[in-house]
N, C-alpha and C. Protein backbone atom coordinates (compact mmCIF):
# COMPACT_ATOMS: atom_id res chain seq x y z
N MET A 1 -0.01 45.19 22.81
CA MET A 1 0.27 43.71 23.07
C MET A 1 0.27 42.97 21.58
N SER A 2 1.32 42.62 20.97
CA SER A 2 1.47 42.05 19.92
C SER A 2 0.26 40.28 19.44
N SER A 3 0.48 40.41 18.29
CA SER A 3 -0.61 39.18 17.81
C SER A 3 -0.13 37.83 18.53
N ALA A 4 1.15 37.49 18.30
CA ALA A 4 2.13 36.95 18.96
C ALA A 4 1.65 36.40 20.52
N ALA A 5 1.69 37.34 21.58
CA ALA A 5 1.78 37.25 22.62
C ALA A 5 0.17 36.97 23.17
N ALA A 6 -0.72 37.50 22.38
CA ALA A 6 -2.04 36.94 22.66
C ALA A 6 -2.81 35.58 22.45
N ASN A 7 -1.55 35.11 21.12
CA ASN A 7 -2.23 33.97 21.00
C ASN A 7 -0.84 32.86 21.15
N PRO A 8 -1.37 32.34 22.21
CA PRO A 8 -0.45 30.85 22.54
C PRO A 8 0.56 30.34 21.66
N VAL A 9 -0.78 29.87 20.60
CA VAL A 9 -0.06 28.96 19.70
C VAL A 9 0.57 29.69 18.64
N THR A 10 1.82 29.50 18.56
CA THR A 10 2.89 30.10 17.42
C THR A 10 3.14 29.08 16.17
N ALA A 11 3.82 29.63 15.32
CA ALA A 11 4.72 29.12 14.47
C ALA A 11 5.71 28.28 15.00
N THR A 12 6.43 28.86 16.21
CA THR A 12 7.33 28.46 16.79
C THR A 12 7.21 26.41 17.78
N ASP A 13 5.46 26.30 17.69
CA ASP A 13 5.09 25.33 18.40
C ASP A 13 5.51 24.16 17.39
N ALA A 14 5.57 23.99 15.84
CA ALA A 14 5.52 23.42 15.02
C ALA A 14 7.16 22.59 15.15
N PRO A 15 8.08 22.96 15.45
CA PRO A 15 9.28 22.14 15.48
C PRO A 15 9.07 21.15 16.55
N PRO A 16 8.50 21.44 17.78
CA PRO A 16 8.38 20.12 19.11
C PRO A 16 7.71 19.41 18.58
N ARG A 17 6.27 19.23 17.47
CA ARG A 17 5.29 18.27 17.31
C ARG A 17 6.24 17.56 16.19
N ARG A 18 7.16 18.20 15.29
CA ARG A 18 7.86 17.53 14.56
C ARG A 18 8.54 16.50 14.88
N LYS A 19 9.57 17.17 16.01
CA LYS A 19 10.30 16.38 16.83
C LYS A 19 9.89 14.88 17.38
N GLY A 20 8.94 15.24 17.86
CA GLY A 20 8.07 14.07 18.31
C GLY A 20 7.89 13.29 17.20
N ALA A 21 7.05 13.35 16.75
CA ALA A 21 6.88 12.74 15.41
C ALA A 21 8.10 11.99 15.09
N GLY A 22 8.66 12.96 14.54
CA GLY A 22 10.21 11.69 14.15
C GLY A 22 10.48 10.60 15.32
N LEU A 23 10.64 11.17 16.43
CA LEU A 23 11.04 10.32 17.44
C LEU A 23 10.40 9.08 17.71
N VAL A 24 8.87 9.29 17.63
CA VAL A 24 8.11 8.17 17.29
C VAL A 24 8.82 7.43 16.39
N PHE A 25 8.78 7.76 15.29
CA PHE A 25 9.22 6.72 13.74
C PHE A 25 10.73 6.32 14.07
N CYS A 26 11.42 6.83 14.36
CA CYS A 26 12.19 6.03 14.92
C CYS A 26 12.13 5.06 16.00
N CYS A 27 11.15 4.99 17.10
CA CYS A 27 10.84 4.37 17.80
C CYS A 27 10.29 2.84 17.01
N THR A 28 9.43 3.16 15.93
CA THR A 28 9.31 1.87 14.95
C THR A 28 9.99 1.25 14.74
N VAL A 29 10.82 1.92 14.19
CA VAL A 29 12.05 1.21 13.42
C VAL A 29 13.05 0.37 14.09
N LEU A 30 13.13 1.19 15.79
CA LEU A 30 13.90 0.28 16.68
C LEU A 30 13.43 -0.80 17.07
N GLY A 31 11.98 -0.54 17.63
CA GLY A 31 11.17 -1.78 17.80
C GLY A 31 10.98 -2.73 17.25
N ALA A 32 11.09 -2.57 15.51
CA ALA A 32 10.91 -3.12 14.44
C ALA A 32 12.25 -4.37 14.50
N ALA A 33 13.47 -3.67 14.50
CA ALA A 33 14.82 -4.17 14.36
C ALA A 33 14.84 -5.22 16.17
N ALA A 34 14.31 -4.59 17.10
CA ALA A 34 14.38 -5.68 18.31
C ALA A 34 13.46 -6.50 18.18
N GLN A 35 12.12 -6.50 17.84
CA GLN A 35 12.10 -7.69 17.41
C GLN A 35 12.44 -9.03 16.41
N ILE A 36 13.29 -8.50 15.64
CA ILE A 36 13.81 -9.19 14.72
C ILE A 36 14.89 -9.31 14.93
N LEU A 37 15.88 -8.60 16.07
CA LEU A 37 16.87 -9.44 17.03
C LEU A 37 16.53 -10.76 17.94
N LEU A 38 15.24 -10.23 18.48
CA LEU A 38 14.55 -11.28 19.72
C LEU A 38 14.42 -12.72 18.80
N LYS A 39 13.53 -12.86 17.41
CA LYS A 39 12.91 -13.98 16.83
C LYS A 39 14.72 -14.33 16.31
N THR A 40 15.98 -13.76 16.09
CA THR A 40 16.74 -14.29 15.71
C THR A 40 17.84 -15.05 17.00
N GLY A 41 17.51 -14.07 17.97
CA GLY A 41 17.96 -15.01 19.65
C GLY A 41 17.44 -16.26 20.00
N ALA A 42 15.79 -16.22 19.83
CA ALA A 42 15.35 -17.46 19.45
C ALA A 42 15.30 -18.77 19.06
N ASN A 43 15.88 -18.22 17.55
CA ASN A 43 16.03 -19.09 16.97
C ASN A 43 17.28 -19.89 16.63
N GLN A 44 18.58 -19.74 17.59
CA GLN A 44 19.70 -19.86 18.10
C GLN A 44 19.76 -20.58 19.28
N MET A 45 18.62 -20.38 19.77
CA MET A 45 18.69 -21.14 21.22
C MET A 45 18.94 -22.33 20.67
N ALA A 46 19.47 -23.67 20.92
CA ALA A 46 19.51 -25.17 20.81
C ALA A 46 18.33 -25.48 21.99
N HIS A 47 18.85 -25.22 23.03
CA HIS A 47 18.09 -25.58 24.47
C HIS A 47 17.75 -24.52 25.31
N PRO A 48 16.30 -23.69 25.07
CA PRO A 48 16.25 -22.89 26.07
C PRO A 48 16.24 -22.84 27.25
N SER A 49 17.54 -21.55 27.78
CA SER A 49 17.58 -21.85 29.28
C SER A 49 17.72 -20.28 30.00
N LEU A 50 17.44 -20.27 31.16
CA LEU A 50 17.84 -18.93 31.37
C LEU A 50 19.29 -18.48 30.82
N TRP A 51 20.59 -19.31 31.12
CA TRP A 51 21.64 -18.96 30.81
C TRP A 51 21.99 -18.59 29.26
N ALA A 52 21.09 -19.89 28.85
CA ALA A 52 21.17 -19.55 26.96
C ALA A 52 20.23 -17.95 26.79
N ILE A 53 19.29 -17.60 27.48
CA ILE A 53 18.65 -16.16 26.85
C ILE A 53 19.66 -14.86 27.56
N VAL A 54 20.40 -15.34 28.79
CA VAL A 54 21.08 -13.84 29.20
C VAL A 54 22.56 -14.00 28.30
N THR A 55 22.91 -14.90 27.60
CA THR A 55 24.20 -14.83 27.20
C THR A 55 24.45 -14.60 25.43
N SER A 56 22.72 -14.64 24.85
CA SER A 56 22.60 -14.70 23.65
C SER A 56 22.54 -13.06 23.51
N ILE A 57 23.73 -12.40 22.51
CA ILE A 57 23.72 -11.47 21.90
C ILE A 57 22.52 -11.00 21.31
N PRO A 58 21.87 -11.80 20.44
CA PRO A 58 21.00 -10.78 19.51
C PRO A 58 19.82 -10.68 20.77
N LEU A 59 19.91 -11.45 21.71
CA LEU A 59 18.59 -11.44 22.83
C LEU A 59 18.60 -9.62 23.50
N LEU A 60 20.09 -9.79 23.57
CA LEU A 60 20.06 -8.94 24.38
C LEU A 60 20.25 -7.36 23.79
N ALA A 61 20.64 -7.70 22.47
CA ALA A 61 20.72 -6.65 21.13
C ALA A 61 19.26 -6.00 21.49
N GLY A 62 18.33 -7.22 20.97
CA GLY A 62 17.15 -6.67 20.75
C GLY A 62 16.17 -5.81 22.33
N LEU A 63 16.53 -6.28 23.68
CA LEU A 63 16.12 -5.67 24.72
C LEU A 63 16.96 -4.49 24.71
N SER A 64 17.94 -4.24 24.52
CA SER A 64 18.46 -2.85 24.38
C SER A 64 17.99 -1.80 23.12
N LEU A 65 17.45 -2.36 22.13
CA LEU A 65 16.62 -1.43 21.65
C LEU A 65 15.42 -1.39 21.93
N TYR A 66 14.46 -2.29 22.57
CA TYR A 66 13.31 -1.75 23.34
C TYR A 66 13.39 -0.35 24.25
N GLY A 67 14.29 -0.88 25.19
CA GLY A 67 15.17 0.06 26.04
C GLY A 67 15.10 1.44 25.31
N ILE A 68 15.97 1.58 24.35
CA ILE A 68 16.25 2.86 24.00
C ILE A 68 15.01 3.43 22.87
N SER A 69 14.09 2.75 22.95
CA SER A 69 13.22 2.94 22.17
C SER A 69 11.75 3.44 23.15
N THR A 70 12.08 2.79 23.94
CA THR A 70 10.92 3.24 25.02
C THR A 70 11.73 4.92 25.40
N LEU A 71 13.23 5.25 25.70
CA LEU A 71 13.43 6.30 26.09
C LEU A 71 12.93 7.52 25.14
N LEU A 72 13.26 6.83 23.92
CA LEU A 72 12.80 8.07 22.86
C LEU A 72 11.17 7.86 23.16
N LEU A 73 10.35 7.70 23.23
CA LEU A 73 8.84 7.33 23.16
C LEU A 73 8.72 8.31 24.20
N VAL A 74 9.50 8.26 25.94
CA VAL A 74 9.07 9.14 26.86
C VAL A 74 9.21 10.95 26.30
N LEU A 75 10.33 10.61 25.49
CA LEU A 75 11.16 12.26 24.98
C LEU A 75 10.06 12.60 23.70
N ALA A 76 9.56 11.87 23.03
CA ALA A 76 8.64 12.21 22.10
C ALA A 76 7.32 12.64 22.94
N LEU A 77 6.65 11.82 23.93
CA LEU A 77 5.56 11.72 24.78
C LEU A 77 5.52 13.68 24.85
N ARG A 78 6.61 14.05 25.48
CA ARG A 78 6.90 15.40 26.65
C ARG A 78 6.75 16.22 25.96
N ASP A 79 6.66 16.71 24.67
CA ASP A 79 6.12 17.72 23.73
C ASP A 79 5.31 17.48 22.63
N GLY A 80 4.90 15.90 22.66
CA GLY A 80 3.71 15.86 21.90
C GLY A 80 2.07 15.38 22.39
N GLU A 81 1.27 14.99 21.78
CA GLU A 81 0.30 14.97 22.07
C GLU A 81 -0.11 13.07 21.48
N LEU A 82 -0.21 12.48 22.78
CA LEU A 82 -0.45 11.33 22.85
C LEU A 82 -1.47 10.93 22.10
N SER A 83 -2.35 11.06 21.78
CA SER A 83 -3.40 10.88 21.28
C SER A 83 -3.59 10.92 19.39
N LEU A 84 -2.09 11.39 19.53
CA LEU A 84 -1.29 11.66 17.78
C LEU A 84 -0.34 10.76 17.78
N LEU A 85 0.74 10.43 18.84
CA LEU A 85 1.79 10.36 18.42
C LEU A 85 1.59 8.72 18.30
N TYR A 86 1.23 7.71 20.04
CA TYR A 86 0.84 6.85 20.03
C TYR A 86 0.40 5.78 18.67
N PRO A 87 -0.83 6.01 18.51
CA PRO A 87 -0.99 5.25 17.69
C PRO A 87 0.05 5.19 16.07
N VAL A 88 1.01 6.19 16.22
CA VAL A 88 1.73 5.90 15.08
C VAL A 88 2.60 4.65 15.32
N ILE A 89 2.87 4.09 16.23
CA ILE A 89 3.40 2.93 17.18
C ILE A 89 3.29 1.52 15.95
N ALA A 90 2.16 1.85 15.89
CA ALA A 90 1.52 0.49 14.75
C ALA A 90 2.24 0.44 13.52
N LEU A 91 3.16 1.50 13.48
CA LEU A 91 3.28 1.11 11.67
C LEU A 91 4.98 0.22 12.16
N THR A 92 5.24 0.24 14.07
CA THR A 92 6.08 -1.39 14.09
C THR A 92 5.85 -2.29 13.40
N TYR A 93 3.96 -2.82 13.34
CA TYR A 93 3.96 -4.22 12.81
C TYR A 93 4.15 -3.97 11.72
N VAL A 94 4.14 -2.71 10.92
CA VAL A 94 4.80 -2.83 9.47
C VAL A 94 5.85 -2.91 8.97
N TRP A 95 6.75 -2.70 9.65
CA TRP A 95 8.53 -2.95 9.63
C TRP A 95 8.46 -4.53 10.06
N VAL A 96 7.90 -5.33 10.81
CA VAL A 96 8.14 -6.38 11.64
C VAL A 96 7.56 -7.54 10.22
N THR A 97 6.70 -7.14 9.83
CA THR A 97 5.95 -7.74 8.86
C THR A 97 7.10 -7.50 7.82
N VAL A 98 7.44 -6.33 6.97
CA VAL A 98 7.84 -6.31 5.93
C VAL A 98 9.86 -7.23 6.33
N LEU A 99 10.34 -6.85 7.34
CA LEU A 99 11.81 -7.37 7.93
C LEU A 99 11.28 -8.88 7.74
N SER A 100 10.13 -9.38 8.05
CA SER A 100 10.36 -11.47 8.17
C SER A 100 9.75 -11.52 7.08
N LEU A 101 9.14 -10.52 5.87
CA LEU A 101 9.20 -11.52 4.85
C LEU A 101 10.82 -11.57 4.42
N ILE A 102 11.25 -10.82 4.09
CA ILE A 102 12.85 -10.56 3.83
C ILE A 102 13.67 -10.92 4.82
N ILE A 103 14.11 -11.00 5.50
CA ILE A 103 15.05 -11.80 6.59
C ILE A 103 14.61 -13.53 6.70
N PHE A 104 13.45 -13.43 7.60
CA PHE A 104 12.75 -14.87 7.64
C PHE A 104 11.70 -15.51 6.76
N HIS A 105 11.80 -14.74 5.67
CA HIS A 105 11.45 -15.27 4.12
C HIS A 105 9.29 -15.93 4.38
N ASP A 106 8.71 -15.51 5.62
CA ASP A 106 7.66 -15.26 5.84
C ASP A 106 6.58 -14.70 4.76
N ARG A 107 5.72 -15.64 4.64
CA ARG A 107 5.25 -15.84 3.61
C ARG A 107 3.64 -14.49 3.87
N ALA A 108 3.52 -13.57 2.65
CA ALA A 108 2.61 -12.46 2.30
C ALA A 108 1.35 -13.54 2.10
N ASN A 109 0.15 -12.92 2.39
CA ASN A 109 -0.97 -13.30 2.21
C ASN A 109 -2.00 -12.49 2.07
N PRO A 110 -2.60 -12.23 1.48
CA PRO A 110 -4.22 -10.85 1.07
C PRO A 110 -4.52 -10.61 2.41
N ILE A 111 -4.93 -11.17 3.48
CA ILE A 111 -5.30 -10.65 5.13
C ILE A 111 -4.53 -10.04 5.50
N LYS A 112 -2.71 -10.35 5.65
CA LYS A 112 -1.77 -9.38 6.10
C LYS A 112 -1.23 -8.34 5.14
N LEU A 113 -1.54 -8.55 4.27
CA LEU A 113 -1.38 -7.00 3.09
C LEU A 113 -2.53 -5.91 3.30
N LEU A 114 -3.92 -6.73 3.35
CA LEU A 114 -4.85 -5.96 3.80
C LEU A 114 -4.73 -5.44 5.63
N GLY A 115 -4.18 -6.31 6.16
CA GLY A 115 -3.58 -5.28 7.27
C GLY A 115 -2.91 -4.13 7.42
N ILE A 116 -2.03 -4.32 6.69
CA ILE A 116 -0.89 -3.74 6.38
C ILE A 116 -1.37 -1.82 6.20
N THR A 117 -2.23 -2.24 4.88
CA THR A 117 -2.41 -1.37 4.25
C THR A 117 -3.16 -0.18 5.54
N THR A 118 -3.87 -1.50 6.28
CA THR A 118 -5.00 -0.49 7.01
C THR A 118 -4.15 0.49 7.83
N ILE A 119 -2.96 -0.20 8.51
CA ILE A 119 -2.69 0.17 9.39
C ILE A 119 -1.81 1.61 8.97
N VAL A 120 -1.05 1.28 7.72
CA VAL A 120 -0.92 2.79 6.83
C VAL A 120 -1.67 3.57 6.97
N ILE A 121 -2.70 3.16 6.04
CA ILE A 121 -3.92 4.37 6.03
C ILE A 121 -4.79 4.81 7.35
N GLY A 122 -4.37 4.71 8.31
CA GLY A 122 -4.74 4.94 9.78
C GLY A 122 -4.42 5.70 10.52
N VAL A 123 -2.31 5.40 10.62
CA VAL A 123 -1.78 6.23 10.30
C VAL A 123 -1.95 7.57 9.83
N ALA A 124 -1.76 7.39 8.34
CA ALA A 124 -1.75 8.77 7.74
C ALA A 124 -3.08 9.19 8.03
N VAL A 125 -4.49 9.04 8.21
CA VAL A 125 -5.83 9.61 8.45
C VAL A 125 -5.38 10.27 10.13
N LEU A 126 -4.69 10.09 10.56
CA LEU A 126 -4.41 10.22 12.38
C LEU A 126 -3.35 11.46 12.19
N GLY A 127 -2.47 11.54 10.46
CA GLY A 127 -1.53 12.69 10.30
C GLY A 127 -2.50 13.78 10.18
N ARG A 128 -3.37 13.66 9.03
CA ARG A 128 -3.91 14.07 8.54
C ARG A 128 -4.75 15.03 9.33
N GLY A 129 -4.83 14.58 10.28
CA GLY A 129 -6.19 15.14 11.06
C GLY A 129 -5.82 16.23 12.21
N SER A 130 -4.62 15.92 12.98
CA SER A 130 -3.92 16.76 13.44
C SER A 130 -3.54 17.64 12.91
N ARG A 131 -3.45 17.71 12.10
CA ARG A 131 -3.58 19.38 11.13
C ARG A 131 -4.07 20.07 10.94
N ARG A 132 -5.33 19.86 11.25
CA ARG A 132 -6.25 21.05 11.49
C ARG A 132 -6.89 21.38 12.54
């Protein structure tokens, strides 16, 4: 019996894990883009109504990106560890904050920057912990 057959965890397990992490990372980018589109659509509505919502291209695009992001998350979770992959979704907060600063000229303050730094460090710690 070969050592590969005796040990069910082999080097071939690495690509699905990386694939899952890559898909979840894409989910964070899509989720951030969805938030920006939702905010853009909301800003464009002079008089919010059901008709204004269902005819707003940015709102519909944002909702569509959320749908795509959800589908990618399902695919990622199929092969990955939920306890590792799902916290990576927190990176969405980082992207939304950065994009909000650039696109909407939101203001950064030390508390926001501390929060963003904490999220990035937390995701990095989780990622390193999964390699052990």
